[in-house]
Amino acid sequence: MSNIIVLPLIVPVITAILLVFLRENIVLQRMISLMTLGFVILTSIVLLIEIQAQGVMRLDFSGWAPPFGILFVADSFAVLLVLIANIVASICVLFAIYTIGSHFEKMYFYSFVLLMVAGVNGSFLTGDIFNLFVCFEVMLLASYALISLGGDKVQLREALKYVLINVVASWIFLVALAFLYGTVGTLNMAHIALRVMEAGADPLITTVALLFLIVFSLKAGLLLFFWLPGSYSVPPTAIAALFAALLTKVGIYALVRSFTLLFVNNVEVTHMVLGIMAGVTMIAGCIGAISSKDVRTIAAYNVLIGVGFIVAGLAIGTESSLQGVVYYLMHDMVAKALLFLAVGLMIFLTGETLIDNMSGLIRNYPAFGWIFFITMCSLAGIPPLSGFLGKVLIGQGAIEGGHFVLLGLGFLSSLFVLYSLLRILLGSFFGETIISLEDEKPLKGRVLMPLILLTVCTVGLGVGAQWLAPYVLDAGQTLYTPSIYIDAVLDGGVNR
């Protein structure tokens, strides 16, 4: 059964290569892409059930036992994220099928999407930190192509900025890897954790930890986020939604995995820095969201608020807050994809990007107006939607750990999220309609269907929290007690 752990990586890669040879057959590309993502979803569900039955699972490539060989590790945290990521990706692909146009589809759009998803899945599942770098690069190379797809001048400008910041981050990643390997002599994550524990509060290891903090912060849009609002505003809607849902979450995953497993000896320094960066990111995101009148920019700054809030949960570091991090990550993937699809649809229907130039959309498209209302409530954390439970758990952890500043910033940011999206709702959906009957564009059910599916997901994550609870509790326990992960990977058979 452990052999299926590699399928979320290898199947999308093989399919992406196959689709290159089907460039002219768009219908077949669409079908195969959706079938591939559906297969990965089913594989993730099977893995989750198996993990509940037998604990953390691992796959040793070529029979090399840890820490000498490459391996994939499946715990509840990683597999939950793989499951949600592929559900969101399949819905975004469905939206792209009806909106992106054959011109983009013939530019290997589906191949690049599957390669990006493969990199995301591999990043979540790898148990080797160098392989984490490799999977990051697979994901980023595909995203470089996607962000510049179409070749508009503004796209290329923002793509250049996006590529440069990620190339710098990747260079720092390699430097950090070299220092880490020189210090502990291994790249297996579980083995690194053991060696770091043996070294204690070593200043060199703390320095390496801060290097990794910089790398993953750049990739997550934490503090050093100047590239994100522009980069997430210029691609076609389906691609922007994929970026908002997946790319920053991989950076956050790497932060969570690193600072709950690898670097836990000097948390006074690392978690304090994480808390400061999270607080500053939330503040900056709030300022950007309430000061802008461009709906795409408001959505992009809401991504930053979510990043800051999740990392605040990591900085708090209690078991409750880590459970909240797991749950809020899943919510944020769904809700941010829904927000970006909704904003893109607003621009398509009106031909405008500024709130002041839109009005009365709910009169023409009432179902769409209600979807946006649910999106707003979910992102603001209003019960019983998906954003509520994650906020409560992180808040509970902040109270337990005495992190009242982060608690205040976190819940104040929820008010700013609500205010920024309420501006869009009141300004763009209510009031006198700007679309006459002659100019009204038909909103076909198939175009609205992906938004409806994501809405069902965000409602389901909230209402169905009791069914997800065993998996989230298991994920939180694994993060809070790293020995669970270490023992499952090393089997106690490594010379420590």
Protein backbone atom coordinates (compact mmCIF):
# COMPACT_ATOMS: atom_id res chain seq x y z
CA MET A 1 0.00 0.00 0.00
CA SER A 2 2.89 2.42 0.70
CA ASN A 3 3.77 2.44 -3.02
CA ILE A 4 0.79 4.71 -3.76
CA ILE A 5 2.46 7.56 -1.83
CA VAL A 6 4.45 8.51 -4.93
CA LEU A 7 1.43 8.56 -7.26
CA PRO A 8 0.39 12.20 -6.55
CA LEU A 9 3.79 13.23 -7.93
CA ILE A 10 4.49 10.77 -10.72
CA VAL A 11 1.03 10.54 -12.32
CA PRO A 12 0.65 14.31 -13.02
CA VAL A 13 4.23 14.45 -14.36
CA ILE A 14 3.67 11.57 -16.79
CA THR A 15 0.31 13.02 -17.85
CA ALA A 16 1.84 16.48 -18.40
CA ILE A 17 4.43 14.96 -20.75
CA LEU A 18 1.72 13.00 -22.58
CA LEU A 19 -0.37 16.15 -23.11
CA VAL A 20 2.51 17.83 -24.96
CA PHE A 21 1.87 15.36 -27.80
CA LEU A 22 -1.87 16.15 -27.76
CA ARG A 23 -1.47 19.87 -28.32
CA GLU A 24 -4.09 20.10 -31.06
CA ASN A 25 -6.66 17.87 -29.35
CA ILE A 26 -8.02 20.25 -26.74
CA VAL A 27 -11.01 18.13 -25.73
CA LEU A 28 -8.78 15.15 -24.96
CA GLN A 29 -6.40 17.38 -22.99
CA ARG A 30 -9.30 18.60 -20.85
CA MET A 31 -10.61 15.12 -20.15
CA ILE A 32 -7.21 13.64 -19.30
CA SER A 33 -6.31 16.58 -17.01
CA LEU A 34 -9.53 16.26 -15.00
CA MET A 35 -9.18 12.47 -14.83
CA THR A 36 -5.60 12.82 -13.56
CA LEU A 37 -6.57 15.24 -10.80
CA GLY A 38 -9.54 13.05 -9.91
CA PHE A 39 -7.20 10.05 -9.61
CA VAL A 40 -4.93 11.96 -7.24
CA ILE A 41 -7.95 12.98 -5.14
CA LEU A 42 -9.01 9.33 -4.80
CA THR A 43 -5.42 8.32 -3.97
CA SER A 44 -5.30 10.97 -1.23
CA ILE A 45 -8.54 9.72 0.31
CA VAL A 46 -7.18 6.15 0.39
CA LEU A 47 -3.94 7.39 2.00
CA LEU A 48 -5.84 9.32 4.68
CA ILE A 49 -7.83 6.22 5.61
CA GLU A 50 -4.65 4.10 5.73
CA ILE A 51 -2.84 6.65 7.90
CA GLN A 52 -5.68 6.57 10.40
CA ALA A 53 -5.42 2.77 10.49
CA GLN A 54 -1.63 2.30 10.67
CA GLY A 55 -0.04 5.69 11.40
CA VAL A 56 2.50 7.68 9.40
CA MET A 57 3.51 5.87 6.19
CA ARG A 58 6.72 6.07 4.19
CA LEU A 59 8.05 4.87 0.85
CA ASP A 60 11.79 4.17 0.49
CA PHE A 61 12.92 4.51 -3.12
CA SER A 62 15.08 1.66 -4.47
CA GLY A 63 14.96 -0.09 -1.11
CA TRP A 64 17.46 2.27 0.55
CA ALA A 65 16.50 2.55 4.21
CA PRO A 66 16.51 5.96 5.90
CA PRO A 67 18.54 8.09 6.25
CA PHE A 68 20.59 6.96 3.25
CA GLY A 69 17.95 6.91 0.53
CA ILE A 70 15.31 9.21 -0.90
CA LEU A 71 11.87 8.73 0.61
CA PHE A 72 8.33 10.07 0.63
CA VAL A 73 6.43 10.35 3.91
CA ALA A 74 2.64 10.49 4.20
CA ASP A 75 1.19 11.84 7.44
CA SER A 76 -2.24 13.39 7.94
CA PHE A 77 -0.91 16.94 7.57
CA ALA A 78 0.72 16.36 4.18
CA VAL A 79 -2.07 14.21 2.74
CA LEU A 80 -4.86 16.58 3.82
CA LEU A 81 -3.08 19.36 1.93
CA VAL A 82 -2.57 17.14 -1.12
CA LEU A 83 -6.28 16.29 -1.09
CA ILE A 84 -7.51 19.89 -0.83
CA ALA A 85 -4.89 21.18 -3.30
CA ASN A 86 -6.01 18.74 -5.97
CA ILE A 87 -9.70 19.38 -5.35
CA VAL A 88 -9.08 23.11 -5.80
CA ALA A 89 -6.87 22.53 -8.85
CA SER A 90 -9.51 20.36 -10.53
CA ILE A 91 -12.17 23.05 -9.99
CA CYS A 92 -9.86 25.77 -11.33
CA VAL A 93 -9.14 23.61 -14.40
CA LEU A 94 -12.89 23.19 -14.87
CA PHE A 95 -13.26 26.99 -14.78
CA ALA A 96 -10.40 27.34 -17.27
CA ILE A 97 -12.06 24.93 -19.69
CA TYR A 98 -15.00 27.34 -20.08
CA THR A 99 -13.15 30.66 -19.86
CA ILE A 100 -9.48 30.61 -20.81
CA GLY A 101 -9.88 30.04 -24.55
CA SER A 102 -8.32 27.63 -27.04
CA HIS A 103 -5.40 30.01 -27.71
CA PHE A 104 -4.09 29.49 -24.17
CA GLU A 105 -5.03 25.81 -24.14
CA LYS A 106 -2.82 25.20 -27.17
CA MET A 107 0.11 26.83 -25.35
CA TYR A 108 0.48 23.73 -23.15
CA PHE A 109 -1.69 25.20 -20.41
CA TYR A 110 -2.78 21.83 -19.02
CA SER A 111 0.76 20.43 -19.06
CA PHE A 112 2.03 23.38 -17.05
CA VAL A 113 -0.85 23.14 -14.58
CA LEU A 114 -0.21 19.44 -13.99
CA LEU A 115 3.53 20.02 -13.57
CA MET A 116 2.80 22.75 -11.02
CA VAL A 117 0.39 20.48 -9.15
CA ALA A 118 2.99 17.68 -9.23
CA GLY A 119 5.54 20.04 -7.65
CA VAL A 120 3.02 21.03 -4.99
CA ASN A 121 2.19 17.39 -4.19
CA GLY A 122 5.85 16.41 -4.09
CA SER A 123 6.67 19.30 -1.74
CA PHE A 124 3.99 18.12 0.68
CA LEU A 125 5.04 14.46 0.61
CA THR A 126 8.83 14.44 0.43
CA GLY A 127 10.80 13.39 3.50
CA ASP A 128 14.11 14.67 2.11
CA ILE A 129 14.90 18.38 2.29
CA PHE A 130 16.89 18.42 -0.97
CA ASN A 131 13.91 16.84 -2.70
CA LEU A 132 11.84 19.65 -1.23
CA PHE A 133 14.08 22.02 -3.17
CA VAL A 134 13.63 19.93 -6.35
CA CYS A 135 9.83 19.86 -6.01
CA PHE A 136 9.82 23.61 -5.32
CA GLU A 137 11.69 24.16 -8.58
CA VAL A 138 9.32 21.93 -10.58
CA MET A 139 6.40 23.93 -9.21
CA LEU A 140 8.10 27.27 -9.84
CA LEU A 141 9.25 26.49 -13.39
CA ALA A 142 5.68 25.64 -14.32
CA SER A 143 4.42 28.80 -12.61
CA TYR A 144 6.95 30.92 -14.57
CA ALA A 145 5.35 29.68 -17.79
CA LEU A 146 1.80 30.14 -16.49
CA ILE A 147 2.30 33.71 -15.23
CA SER A 148 3.64 34.83 -18.62
CA LEU A 149 1.12 32.85 -20.71
CA GLY A 150 -0.28 35.26 -23.28
CA GLY A 151 2.70 37.60 -23.32
CA ASP A 152 0.98 40.89 -22.44
CA LYS A 153 3.35 43.70 -21.50
CA VAL A 154 2.07 43.96 -17.92
CA GLN A 155 2.28 40.18 -17.55
CA LEU A 156 5.90 40.11 -18.64
CA ARG A 157 6.77 42.96 -16.29
CA GLU A 158 5.25 41.21 -13.28
CA ALA A 159 6.59 37.84 -14.44
CA LEU A 160 10.12 39.26 -14.45
CA LYS A 161 9.68 40.46 -10.88
CA TYR A 162 8.21 37.11 -9.85
CA VAL A 163 10.99 35.10 -11.49
CA LEU A 164 13.78 37.25 -10.05
CA ILE A 165 12.53 37.02 -6.46
CA ASN A 166 12.10 33.25 -6.71
CA VAL A 167 15.52 32.75 -8.32
CA VAL A 168 17.09 34.68 -5.43
CA ALA A 169 15.07 32.62 -2.94
CA SER A 170 16.19 29.39 -4.63
CA TRP A 171 19.83 30.50 -4.48
CA ILE A 172 19.52 31.20 -0.76
CA PHE A 173 17.79 27.81 -0.38
CA LEU A 174 20.84 26.08 -1.90
CA VAL A 175 23.21 28.01 0.36
CA ALA A 176 21.11 27.07 3.39
CA LEU A 177 21.09 23.41 2.30
CA ALA A 178 24.88 23.43 1.99
CA PHE A 179 25.29 24.91 5.48
CA LEU A 180 22.76 22.46 6.91
CA TYR A 181 24.42 19.42 5.34
CA GLY A 182 27.84 20.62 6.43
CA THR A 183 26.56 20.98 9.97
CA VAL A 184 24.47 17.82 10.50
CA GLY A 185 25.70 15.56 7.67
CA THR A 186 22.27 14.42 6.44
CA LEU A 187 19.35 15.58 4.27
CA ASN A 188 16.67 13.24 5.63
CA MET A 189 14.25 15.46 7.55
CA ALA A 190 13.70 13.04 10.43
CA HIS A 191 17.45 12.45 10.76
CA ILE A 192 18.12 16.20 10.63
CA ALA A 193 15.67 16.61 13.51
CA LEU A 194 17.62 14.06 15.58
CA ARG A 195 20.99 15.67 14.84
CA VAL A 196 19.67 19.12 15.67
CA MET A 197 18.28 17.86 18.98
CA GLU A 198 21.68 16.39 19.82
CA ALA A 199 23.42 19.68 19.00
CA GLY A 200 21.18 21.69 21.31
CA ALA A 201 20.92 25.48 20.97
CA ASP A 202 23.88 25.69 18.58
CA PRO A 203 24.36 29.25 17.19
CA LEU A 204 25.31 27.85 13.75
CA ILE A 205 22.12 25.78 13.54
CA THR A 206 20.09 28.80 14.66
CA THR A 207 21.71 30.81 11.84
CA VAL A 208 20.86 28.05 9.33
CA ALA A 209 17.29 28.02 10.67
CA LEU A 210 17.01 31.76 10.06
CA LEU A 211 18.30 31.26 6.48
CA PHE A 212 15.53 28.74 5.86
CA LEU A 213 13.09 31.18 7.45
CA ILE A 214 14.10 33.82 4.89
CA VAL A 215 13.81 31.36 1.98
CA PHE A 216 10.38 30.04 2.86
CA SER A 217 9.13 33.50 3.80
CA LEU A 218 10.02 34.77 0.34
CA LYS A 219 8.14 31.89 -1.24
CA ALA A 220 5.14 32.28 1.07
CA GLY A 221 4.87 36.05 0.71
CA LEU A 222 5.62 36.57 4.40
CA LEU A 223 6.95 40.08 5.15
CA LEU A 224 8.94 40.24 1.86
CA PHE A 225 5.73 40.33 -0.16
CA PHE A 226 6.24 43.28 -2.54
CA TRP A 227 6.15 40.94 -5.55
CA LEU A 228 2.86 39.24 -4.70
CA PRO A 229 0.03 41.75 -5.37
CA GLY A 230 1.18 42.49 -8.91
CA SER A 231 2.13 38.91 -9.79
CA TYR A 232 -1.25 37.54 -8.68
CA SER A 233 -3.22 40.25 -10.51
CA VAL A 234 -1.99 39.88 -14.08
CA PRO A 235 -2.53 36.24 -15.20
CA PRO A 236 -5.86 34.92 -16.51
CA THR A 237 -8.40 34.32 -13.74
CA ALA A 238 -8.01 30.53 -13.52
CA ILE A 239 -4.21 30.83 -13.21
CA ALA A 240 -4.44 33.61 -10.61
CA ALA A 241 -6.82 31.45 -8.57
CA LEU A 242 -4.39 28.52 -8.73
CA PHE A 243 -1.52 30.73 -7.62
CA ALA A 244 -3.48 32.23 -4.72
CA ALA A 245 -4.69 28.81 -3.58
CA LEU A 246 -1.48 26.78 -3.91
CA LEU A 247 1.81 28.63 -4.29
CA THR A 248 1.98 30.55 -1.02
CA LYS A 249 0.62 27.49 0.81
CA VAL A 250 3.67 25.44 -0.18
CA GLY A 251 5.91 28.08 1.36
CA ILE A 252 3.78 28.05 4.51
CA TYR A 253 3.88 24.23 4.59
CA ALA A 254 7.69 24.36 4.43
CA LEU A 255 7.76 26.86 7.31
CA VAL A 256 5.44 24.71 9.41
CA ARG A 257 7.34 21.49 8.71
CA SER A 258 10.73 23.12 9.33
CA PHE A 259 9.85 24.84 12.59
CA THR A 260 7.87 22.00 14.12
CA LEU A 261 10.26 19.20 13.10
CA LEU A 262 13.74 20.41 12.14
CA PHE A 263 14.49 23.54 14.17
CA VAL A 264 12.86 23.20 17.57
CA ASN A 265 15.80 23.79 19.89
CA ASN A 266 15.86 27.58 19.91
CA VAL A 267 12.20 28.49 19.56
CA GLU A 268 12.68 31.65 21.63
CA VAL A 269 14.52 33.15 18.65
CA THR A 270 12.88 31.49 15.65
CA HIS A 271 9.28 31.71 16.87
CA MET A 272 9.75 35.29 18.01
CA VAL A 273 10.96 36.21 14.50
CA LEU A 274 8.05 34.27 12.99
CA GLY A 275 5.59 36.12 15.22
CA ILE A 276 7.01 39.53 14.30
CA MET A 277 6.95 38.72 10.58
CA ALA A 278 3.40 37.37 10.83
CA GLY A 279 2.20 40.50 12.63
CA VAL A 280 3.84 42.88 10.14
CA THR A 281 2.44 40.89 7.19
CA MET A 282 -1.09 41.03 8.62
CA ILE A 283 -0.82 44.78 9.18
CA ALA A 284 0.56 45.42 5.68
CA GLY A 285 -2.10 43.20 4.13
CA CYS A 286 -4.86 45.06 5.97
CA ILE A 287 -3.53 48.45 4.88
CA GLY A 288 -3.28 47.32 1.26
CA ALA A 289 -6.74 45.72 1.25
CA ILE A 290 -8.58 48.75 2.63
CA SER A 291 -6.65 51.38 0.68
CA SER A 292 -7.06 49.89 -2.80
CA LYS A 293 -10.06 50.29 -5.10
CA ASP A 294 -8.94 47.62 -7.59
CA VAL A 295 -10.76 44.36 -6.87
CA ARG A 296 -7.79 42.24 -7.99
CA THR A 297 -5.41 44.10 -5.69
CA ILE A 298 -7.83 43.80 -2.76
CA ALA A 299 -7.95 40.03 -3.35
CA ALA A 300 -4.14 39.83 -3.51
CA TYR A 301 -3.72 41.69 -0.21
CA ASN A 302 -6.24 39.33 1.35
CA VAL A 303 -3.82 36.53 0.45
CA LEU A 304 -1.18 38.31 2.54
CA ILE A 305 -3.54 38.62 5.50
CA GLY A 306 -4.17 34.88 5.35
CA VAL A 307 -0.43 34.13 5.17
CA GLY A 308 0.23 36.29 8.22
CA PHE A 309 -2.61 34.71 10.19
CA ILE A 310 -1.48 31.14 9.49
CA VAL A 311 2.14 31.88 10.39
CA ALA A 312 0.91 33.55 13.58
CA GLY A 313 -0.60 30.17 14.50
CA LEU A 314 2.80 28.56 13.87
CA ALA A 315 4.58 31.18 16.00
CA ILE A 316 2.15 30.54 18.88
CA GLY A 317 3.14 26.88 18.69
CA THR A 318 0.60 25.19 20.99
CA GLU A 319 -1.18 22.00 19.93
CA SER A 320 -4.46 23.89 19.55
CA SER A 321 -2.91 26.57 17.35
CA LEU A 322 -1.20 23.94 15.17
CA GLN A 323 -4.56 22.21 14.69
CA GLY A 324 -5.89 25.62 13.71
CA VAL A 325 -3.01 26.06 11.23
CA VAL A 326 -3.90 22.74 9.55
CA TYR A 327 -7.58 23.59 9.34
CA TYR A 328 -7.03 27.19 8.26
CA LEU A 329 -4.60 26.12 5.51
CA MET A 330 -7.30 23.88 4.01
CA HIS A 331 -9.88 26.66 4.31
CA ASP A 332 -7.56 29.24 2.78
CA MET A 333 -6.86 27.11 -0.29
CA VAL A 334 -10.58 26.84 -1.02
CA ALA A 335 -11.62 30.36 -0.05
CA LYS A 336 -8.81 32.18 -1.87
CA ALA A 337 -9.47 30.23 -5.06
CA LEU A 338 -13.15 31.14 -4.75
CA LEU A 339 -12.33 34.82 -4.13
CA PHE A 340 -10.06 35.08 -7.17
CA LEU A 341 -12.55 33.30 -9.43
CA ALA A 342 -15.32 35.63 -8.21
CA VAL A 343 -13.21 38.74 -8.75
CA GLY A 344 -12.19 37.55 -12.23
CA LEU A 345 -15.82 36.92 -13.12
CA MET A 346 -16.77 40.41 -11.94
CA ILE A 347 -14.15 41.91 -14.26
CA PHE A 348 -15.35 39.76 -17.17
CA LEU A 349 -18.99 40.81 -16.68
CA THR A 350 -18.32 44.54 -16.29
CA GLY A 351 -15.07 45.13 -18.14
CA GLU A 352 -13.94 47.14 -15.11
CA THR A 353 -11.48 46.54 -12.27
CA LEU A 354 -12.29 49.46 -9.94
CA ILE A 355 -15.08 49.31 -7.36
CA ASP A 356 -16.21 52.82 -8.27
CA ASN A 357 -16.92 51.73 -11.85
CA MET A 358 -19.09 48.76 -10.90
CA SER A 359 -22.59 48.79 -9.49
CA GLY A 360 -25.76 46.74 -9.22
CA LEU A 361 -24.36 43.36 -10.26
CA ILE A 362 -26.73 41.51 -7.96
CA ARG A 363 -29.69 42.79 -10.00
CA ASN A 364 -28.33 41.15 -13.13
CA TYR A 365 -26.70 38.10 -11.51
CA PRO A 366 -28.37 37.33 -8.15
CA ALA A 367 -26.85 33.84 -7.74
CA PHE A 368 -23.38 35.27 -8.27
CA GLY A 369 -24.08 37.96 -5.66
CA TRP A 370 -24.95 35.33 -3.05
CA ILE A 371 -21.80 33.36 -3.87
CA PHE A 372 -19.70 36.46 -3.25
CA PHE A 373 -21.54 37.07 0.03
CA ILE A 374 -20.70 33.53 1.22
CA THR A 375 -17.09 34.02 0.13
CA MET A 376 -16.87 37.19 2.20
CA CYS A 377 -18.37 35.52 5.27
CA SER A 378 -16.05 32.53 4.97
CA LEU A 379 -12.90 34.65 4.70
CA ALA A 380 -14.03 36.80 7.64
CA GLY A 381 -14.48 33.66 9.77
CA ILE A 382 -18.22 33.84 10.29
CA PRO A 383 -19.71 30.52 11.48
CA PRO A 384 -20.55 27.92 10.33
CA LEU A 385 -18.26 28.44 7.30
CA SER A 386 -14.75 27.04 6.96
CA GLY A 387 -12.83 30.10 8.21
CA PHE A 388 -14.45 29.98 11.65
CA LEU A 389 -12.95 26.85 13.22
CA GLY A 390 -9.36 27.62 12.20
CA LYS A 391 -9.59 31.10 13.70
CA VAL A 392 -11.09 29.73 16.93
CA LEU A 393 -8.37 27.09 17.32
CA ILE A 394 -5.56 29.56 16.65
CA GLY A 395 -7.20 32.02 19.05
CA GLN A 396 -7.50 29.31 21.70
CA GLY A 397 -3.80 28.49 21.26
CA ALA A 398 -2.89 32.17 21.59
CA ILE A 399 -4.77 32.41 24.89
CA GLU A 400 -3.13 29.22 26.17
CA GLY A 401 0.33 30.48 25.24
CA GLY A 402 -0.21 34.07 26.34
CA HIS A 403 0.32 35.53 22.84
CA PHE A 404 -2.24 38.29 23.23
CA VAL A 405 -0.65 40.68 20.72
CA LEU A 406 -0.89 38.08 17.95
CA LEU A 407 -4.40 37.23 19.13
CA GLY A 408 -5.44 40.87 18.83
CA LEU A 409 -3.78 41.33 15.43
CA GLY A 410 -5.29 38.11 14.12
CA PHE A 411 -8.86 38.92 14.99
CA LEU A 412 -8.48 42.59 14.07
CA SER A 413 -7.32 41.40 10.64
CA SER A 414 -10.61 39.48 10.32
CA LEU A 415 -12.48 42.76 10.68
CA PHE A 416 -10.34 44.34 7.97
CA VAL A 417 -10.96 41.34 5.69
CA LEU A 418 -14.69 41.77 6.28
CA TYR A 419 -14.49 45.52 5.65
CA SER A 420 -12.43 45.20 2.44
CA LEU A 421 -14.76 42.60 0.93
CA LEU A 422 -17.87 44.41 2.18
CA ARG A 423 -16.69 47.43 0.16
CA ILE A 424 -16.71 45.25 -2.94
CA LEU A 425 -20.11 43.76 -2.09
CA LEU A 426 -21.81 47.08 -1.40
CA GLY A 427 -20.03 49.04 -4.12
CA SER A 428 -20.16 46.49 -6.93
CA PHE A 429 -23.24 44.37 -6.27
CA PHE A 430 -25.71 46.86 -4.82
CA GLY A 431 -26.92 50.21 -6.08
CA GLU A 432 -27.98 51.22 -9.57
CA THR A 433 -26.94 48.67 -12.14
CA ILE A 434 -24.43 49.86 -14.76
CA ILE A 435 -25.29 47.00 -17.16
CA SER A 436 -28.23 47.62 -19.47
CA LEU A 437 -30.32 44.77 -20.84
CA GLU A 438 -28.59 45.16 -24.21
CA ASP A 439 -25.09 45.02 -22.69
CA GLU A 440 -25.78 42.24 -20.19
CA LYS A 441 -23.46 39.30 -20.78
CA PRO A 442 -25.04 35.89 -20.24
CA LEU A 443 -23.62 34.08 -17.23
CA LYS A 444 -23.89 30.46 -18.21
CA GLY A 445 -24.40 27.82 -15.56
CA ARG A 446 -21.25 25.96 -16.60
CA VAL A 447 -19.14 29.07 -15.90
CA LEU A 448 -20.77 29.57 -12.51
CA MET A 449 -20.51 25.87 -11.62
CA PRO A 450 -16.85 25.97 -10.44
CA LEU A 451 -17.73 28.82 -8.06
CA ILE A 452 -20.71 26.84 -6.79
CA LEU A 453 -18.46 23.81 -6.19
CA LEU A 454 -15.96 25.88 -4.21
CA THR A 455 -18.83 27.43 -2.25
CA VAL A 456 -20.03 23.93 -1.39
CA CYS A 457 -16.47 23.10 -0.28
CA THR A 458 -16.18 26.10 2.04
CA VAL A 459 -19.60 25.37 3.55
CA GLY A 460 -18.74 21.67 3.80
CA LEU A 461 -15.44 22.32 5.56
CA GLY A 462 -17.36 24.27 8.19
CA VAL A 463 -20.51 22.20 8.58
CA GLY A 464 -18.65 18.90 8.17
CA ALA A 465 -15.85 19.73 10.60
CA GLN A 466 -16.76 16.76 12.82
CA TRP A 467 -15.91 14.34 10.00
CA LEU A 468 -12.58 16.05 9.36
CA ALA A 469 -11.76 16.35 13.06
CA PRO A 470 -9.94 12.98 13.44
CA TYR A 471 -7.58 13.82 10.57
CA VAL A 472 -6.96 17.39 11.75
CA LEU A 473 -6.36 16.24 15.34
CA ASP A 474 -3.93 13.61 14.10
CA ALA A 475 -2.12 16.18 11.94
CA GLY A 476 -1.91 18.63 14.86
CA GLN A 477 -0.58 15.93 17.18
CA THR A 478 2.10 14.91 14.65
CA LEU A 479 3.24 18.53 14.30
CA TYR A 480 3.22 19.16 18.06
CA THR A 481 5.02 15.87 18.86
CA PRO A 482 7.77 15.50 16.23
CA SER A 483 8.87 12.15 17.69
CA ILE A 484 5.80 10.58 16.01
CA TYR A 485 7.15 11.55 12.59
CA ILE A 486 10.77 10.73 13.46
CA ASP A 487 9.99 7.26 14.83
CA ALA A 488 7.78 6.41 11.85
CA VAL A 489 10.54 7.36 9.40
CA LEU A 490 13.59 5.97 11.18
CA ASP A 491 12.02 2.98 12.96
CA GLY A 492 14.49 3.52 15.79
CA GLY A 493 17.11 1.80 13.64
CA VAL A 494 19.45 4.70 12.95
CA ASN A 495 22.68 5.18 14.87
CA ARG A 496 21.94 8.41 16.63
